[in-house]
């Protein structure tokens, strides 16, 4: 299966973008139409989808915020807290939620 990037509008005119896997471009277009979207563009993505998604998620986060997060996370895990507990604590403390 290939991954396709799409840009669509809903009935109110709001624009949505995203990625969808499909056998070909036509199958992706069909699924988007079934979801009642007006299709603006659909194009096949080249490269690693996971990597590009990770990069786009990190674009809105400042380097300083990431540094603080990693330092605090490391300290809590080294102190014996579980990964889940450490992440729960950090989620509560985050000021800049992306």
N, C-alpha and C. Protein backbone atom coordinates (compact mmCIF):
# COMPACT_ATOMS: atom_id res chain seq x y z
N UNK A 1 0.84 -1.19 0.00
CA UNK A 1 0.00 0.00 0.00
C UNK A 1 0.87 1.24 0.00
N UNK A 2 0.40 2.25 -0.69
CA UNK A 2 1.11 3.52 -0.75
C UNK A 2 0.44 4.52 0.20
N UNK A 3 1.17 5.56 0.55
CA UNK A 3 0.63 6.62 1.40
C UNK A 3 0.40 7.86 0.55
N UNK A 4 -0.76 8.47 0.71
CA UNK A 4 -1.13 9.64 -0.06
C UNK A 4 -1.42 10.81 0.87
N UNK A 5 -0.94 11.99 0.49
CA UNK A 5 -1.26 13.22 1.21
C UNK A 5 -2.49 13.81 0.54
N UNK A 6 -3.43 14.30 1.35
CA UNK A 6 -4.64 14.88 0.76
C UNK A 6 -4.95 16.22 1.39
N UNK A 7 -5.69 17.02 0.61
CA UNK A 7 -6.21 18.30 1.09
C UNK A 7 -7.66 18.34 0.64
N UNK A 8 -8.58 18.51 1.59
CA UNK A 8 -10.01 18.47 1.30
C UNK A 8 -10.73 19.61 2.02
N UNK A 9 -11.99 19.84 1.60
CA UNK A 9 -12.87 20.80 2.27
C UNK A 9 -14.14 20.07 2.68
N UNK A 10 -14.69 20.48 3.83
CA UNK A 10 -15.98 19.92 4.22
C UNK A 10 -17.09 20.83 3.67
N UNK A 11 -18.33 20.53 4.01
CA UNK A 11 -19.46 21.29 3.46
C UNK A 11 -19.48 22.74 3.94
N UNK A 12 -18.83 23.02 5.08
CA UNK A 12 -18.79 24.40 5.58
C UNK A 12 -17.64 25.19 4.98
N UNK A 13 -16.76 24.52 4.22
CA UNK A 13 -15.63 25.19 3.60
C UNK A 13 -14.33 25.08 4.37
N UNK A 14 -14.37 24.43 5.52
CA UNK A 14 -13.17 24.27 6.33
C UNK A 14 -12.21 23.30 5.64
N UNK A 15 -10.91 23.66 5.61
CA UNK A 15 -9.90 22.86 4.93
C UNK A 15 -9.26 21.89 5.91
N UNK A 16 -9.09 20.66 5.46
CA UNK A 16 -8.41 19.62 6.24
C UNK A 16 -7.31 19.02 5.38
N UNK A 17 -6.20 18.69 6.03
CA UNK A 17 -5.11 17.98 5.35
C UNK A 17 -4.78 16.74 6.16
N UNK A 18 -4.23 15.75 5.48
CA UNK A 18 -3.86 14.54 6.19
C UNK A 18 -3.21 13.54 5.27
N UNK A 19 -3.01 12.35 5.80
CA UNK A 19 -2.41 11.25 5.05
C UNK A 19 -3.33 10.05 5.14
N UNK A 20 -3.36 9.27 4.06
CA UNK A 20 -4.19 8.08 4.03
C UNK A 20 -3.49 7.02 3.19
N UNK A 21 -3.58 5.79 3.64
CA UNK A 21 -3.00 4.69 2.88
C UNK A 21 -4.06 4.12 1.95
N UNK A 22 -3.60 3.71 0.76
CA UNK A 22 -4.51 3.11 -0.20
C UNK A 22 -3.76 2.34 -1.27
N UNK A 23 -4.49 1.51 -1.98
CA UNK A 23 -3.88 0.72 -3.06
C UNK A 23 -3.40 1.64 -4.18
N UNK A 24 -4.21 2.69 -4.46
CA UNK A 24 -3.85 3.65 -5.50
C UNK A 24 -4.57 4.96 -5.20
N UNK A 25 -4.31 5.97 -6.04
CA UNK A 25 -4.89 7.29 -5.83
C UNK A 25 -6.42 7.23 -5.88
N UNK A 26 -6.94 6.43 -6.81
CA UNK A 26 -8.39 6.32 -6.97
C UNK A 26 -9.10 5.80 -5.73
N UNK A 27 -8.49 4.83 -5.06
CA UNK A 27 -9.13 4.28 -3.85
C UNK A 27 -9.16 5.32 -2.73
N UNK A 28 -8.12 6.14 -2.65
CA UNK A 28 -8.09 7.20 -1.63
C UNK A 28 -9.15 8.25 -1.95
N UNK A 29 -9.24 8.64 -3.22
CA UNK A 29 -10.25 9.62 -3.64
C UNK A 29 -11.65 9.09 -3.32
N UNK A 30 -11.90 7.83 -3.60
CA UNK A 30 -13.22 7.23 -3.32
C UNK A 30 -13.54 7.28 -1.83
N UNK A 31 -12.58 6.93 -1.00
CA UNK A 31 -12.83 6.94 0.46
C UNK A 31 -13.09 8.35 0.96
N UNK A 32 -12.35 9.33 0.44
CA UNK A 32 -12.57 10.72 0.87
C UNK A 32 -13.95 11.21 0.43
N UNK A 33 -14.38 10.82 -0.76
CA UNK A 33 -15.72 11.20 -1.23
C UNK A 33 -16.80 10.55 -0.38
N UNK A 34 -16.57 9.31 0.04
CA UNK A 34 -17.53 8.62 0.92
C UNK A 34 -17.65 9.34 2.25
N UNK A 35 -16.57 10.02 2.66
CA UNK A 35 -16.58 10.78 3.91
C UNK A 35 -17.20 12.16 3.71
N UNK A 36 -17.74 12.41 2.50
CA UNK A 36 -18.45 13.64 2.16
C UNK A 36 -17.53 14.87 2.11
N UNK A 37 -16.30 14.69 1.63
CA UNK A 37 -15.37 15.79 1.47
C UNK A 37 -15.28 16.20 0.01
N UNK A 38 -14.99 17.49 -0.23
CA UNK A 38 -14.67 17.99 -1.55
C UNK A 38 -13.15 17.96 -1.67
N UNK A 39 -12.64 17.23 -2.64
CA UNK A 39 -11.20 16.99 -2.74
C UNK A 39 -10.53 18.14 -3.46
N UNK A 40 -9.49 18.70 -2.82
CA UNK A 40 -8.67 19.74 -3.43
C UNK A 40 -7.46 19.12 -4.09
N UNK A 41 -6.78 18.20 -3.39
CA UNK A 41 -5.62 17.52 -3.98
C UNK A 41 -5.36 16.20 -3.26
N UNK A 42 -4.82 15.25 -4.03
CA UNK A 42 -4.37 13.97 -3.49
C UNK A 42 -3.10 13.62 -4.24
N UNK A 43 -2.01 13.41 -3.50
CA UNK A 43 -0.75 13.05 -4.15
C UNK A 43 -0.02 12.00 -3.33
N UNK A 44 0.70 11.14 -4.03
CA UNK A 44 1.43 10.06 -3.36
C UNK A 44 2.63 10.64 -2.63
N UNK A 45 2.81 10.19 -1.40
CA UNK A 45 3.96 10.64 -0.60
C UNK A 45 5.12 9.70 -0.82
N UNK A 46 6.26 10.29 -0.96
CA UNK A 46 7.49 9.51 -1.08
C UNK A 46 8.22 9.58 0.25
N UNK A 47 8.94 8.55 0.60
CA UNK A 47 9.75 8.59 1.82
C UNK A 47 9.05 7.93 2.99
N UNK A 48 9.60 8.17 4.16
CA UNK A 48 9.17 7.52 5.39
C UNK A 48 8.09 8.34 6.07
N UNK A 49 6.85 7.83 6.11
CA UNK A 49 5.73 8.54 6.72
C UNK A 49 5.94 8.76 8.22
N UNK A 50 6.45 7.76 8.92
CA UNK A 50 6.66 7.88 10.36
C UNK A 50 7.62 9.02 10.66
N UNK A 51 8.72 9.09 9.92
CA UNK A 51 9.71 10.14 10.16
C UNK A 51 9.13 11.51 9.87
N UNK A 52 8.39 11.67 8.77
CA UNK A 52 7.83 12.97 8.43
C UNK A 52 6.78 13.40 9.45
N UNK A 53 6.02 12.46 9.99
CA UNK A 53 5.04 12.77 11.02
C UNK A 53 5.73 13.24 12.29
N UNK A 54 6.81 12.58 12.67
CA UNK A 54 7.54 12.98 13.87
C UNK A 54 8.11 14.38 13.71
N UNK A 55 8.65 14.69 12.55
CA UNK A 55 9.22 16.02 12.31
C UNK A 55 8.12 17.08 12.40
N UNK A 56 6.97 16.84 11.78
CA UNK A 56 5.91 17.84 11.81
C UNK A 56 5.38 18.05 13.23
N UNK A 57 5.37 17.03 14.05
CA UNK A 57 4.91 17.18 15.43
C UNK A 57 5.87 18.03 16.25
N UNK A 58 7.15 17.93 15.95
CA UNK A 58 8.15 18.66 16.73
C UNK A 58 8.35 20.09 16.26
N UNK A 59 7.80 20.48 15.13
CA UNK A 59 8.04 21.82 14.61
C UNK A 59 7.47 22.91 15.50
N UNK A 60 6.40 22.64 16.23
CA UNK A 60 5.80 23.66 17.07
C UNK A 60 6.36 23.70 18.48
N UNK A 61 7.39 22.92 18.76
CA UNK A 61 7.95 22.83 20.10
C UNK A 61 9.32 23.49 20.12
N UNK A 62 9.53 24.38 21.06
CA UNK A 62 10.83 25.05 21.18
C UNK A 62 11.88 24.08 21.71
N UNK A 63 13.11 24.30 21.28
CA UNK A 63 14.22 23.46 21.71
C UNK A 63 14.36 23.49 23.23
N UNK A 64 14.18 24.64 23.82
CA UNK A 64 14.29 24.79 25.28
C UNK A 64 13.25 23.92 25.99
N UNK A 65 12.02 23.92 25.48
CA UNK A 65 10.95 23.10 26.08
C UNK A 65 11.28 21.61 25.98
N UNK A 66 11.81 21.18 24.84
CA UNK A 66 12.20 19.78 24.68
C UNK A 66 13.32 19.40 25.64
N UNK A 67 14.28 20.29 25.79
CA UNK A 67 15.40 20.03 26.69
C UNK A 67 14.91 19.85 28.12
N UNK A 68 14.03 20.73 28.56
CA UNK A 68 13.49 20.63 29.92
C UNK A 68 12.70 19.33 30.07
N UNK A 69 11.88 18.99 29.07
CA UNK A 69 11.09 17.76 29.12
C UNK A 69 12.00 16.55 29.27
N UNK A 70 13.03 16.45 28.41
CA UNK A 70 13.91 15.28 28.46
C UNK A 70 14.68 15.19 29.77
N UNK A 71 15.10 16.32 30.29
CA UNK A 71 15.84 16.33 31.54
C UNK A 71 14.95 15.86 32.69
N UNK A 72 13.74 16.39 32.77
CA UNK A 72 12.82 15.99 33.84
C UNK A 72 12.40 14.53 33.69
N UNK A 73 12.14 14.11 32.46
CA UNK A 73 11.74 12.73 32.21
C UNK A 73 12.84 11.77 32.64
N UNK A 74 14.06 12.09 32.27
CA UNK A 74 15.21 11.25 32.63
C UNK A 74 15.37 11.16 34.15
N UNK A 75 15.22 12.29 34.83
CA UNK A 75 15.37 12.31 36.28
C UNK A 75 14.32 11.43 36.95
N UNK A 76 13.08 11.52 36.49
CA UNK A 76 12.01 10.73 37.10
C UNK A 76 12.20 9.23 36.86
N UNK A 77 12.58 8.86 35.64
CA UNK A 77 12.78 7.44 35.33
C UNK A 77 13.97 6.89 36.13
N UNK A 78 15.04 7.66 36.22
CA UNK A 78 16.21 7.23 37.00
C UNK A 78 15.90 7.14 38.49
N UNK A 79 14.90 7.89 38.95
CA UNK A 79 14.50 7.83 40.36
C UNK A 79 13.59 6.64 40.65
N UNK A 80 13.20 5.91 39.61
CA UNK A 80 12.41 4.70 39.82
C UNK A 80 10.94 4.81 39.45
N UNK A 81 10.49 5.96 38.98
CA UNK A 81 9.11 6.08 38.53
C UNK A 81 8.92 5.31 37.23
N UNK A 82 7.73 4.80 37.03
CA UNK A 82 7.46 4.10 35.77
C UNK A 82 7.36 5.12 34.63
N UNK A 83 7.49 4.64 33.42
CA UNK A 83 7.39 5.52 32.26
C UNK A 83 6.03 6.21 32.21
N UNK A 84 4.98 5.45 32.48
CA UNK A 84 3.62 6.00 32.43
C UNK A 84 3.44 7.07 33.49
N UNK A 85 3.87 6.81 34.71
CA UNK A 85 3.74 7.81 35.78
C UNK A 85 4.55 9.06 35.45
N UNK A 86 5.74 8.88 34.93
CA UNK A 86 6.58 10.03 34.58
C UNK A 86 5.90 10.88 33.51
N UNK A 87 5.37 10.23 32.50
CA UNK A 87 4.69 10.98 31.43
C UNK A 87 3.43 11.66 31.94
N UNK A 88 2.67 11.00 32.82
CA UNK A 88 1.47 11.61 33.39
C UNK A 88 1.82 12.89 34.16
N UNK A 89 2.88 12.84 34.94
CA UNK A 89 3.31 14.01 35.70
C UNK A 89 3.71 15.14 34.76
N UNK A 90 4.48 14.81 33.73
CA UNK A 90 4.93 15.83 32.79
C UNK A 90 3.77 16.43 32.00
N UNK A 91 2.78 15.62 31.66
CA UNK A 91 1.62 16.14 30.94
C UNK A 91 0.90 17.19 31.77
N UNK A 92 0.78 16.95 33.07
CA UNK A 92 0.11 17.90 33.95
C UNK A 92 0.89 19.21 34.07
N UNK A 93 2.21 19.15 33.92
CA UNK A 93 3.05 20.32 34.13
C UNK A 93 3.29 21.14 32.86
N UNK A 94 2.96 20.61 31.71
CA UNK A 94 3.26 21.29 30.45
C UNK A 94 2.45 22.57 30.33
N UNK A 95 3.14 23.66 30.00
CA UNK A 95 2.48 24.94 29.81
C UNK A 95 2.08 25.14 28.35
N UNK A 96 2.98 24.77 27.43
CA UNK A 96 2.76 24.98 26.01
C UNK A 96 2.30 23.69 25.36
N UNK A 97 0.99 23.44 25.38
CA UNK A 97 0.46 22.21 24.79
C UNK A 97 0.24 22.43 23.30
N UNK A 98 0.92 21.63 22.50
CA UNK A 98 0.84 21.79 21.04
C UNK A 98 -0.41 21.15 20.52
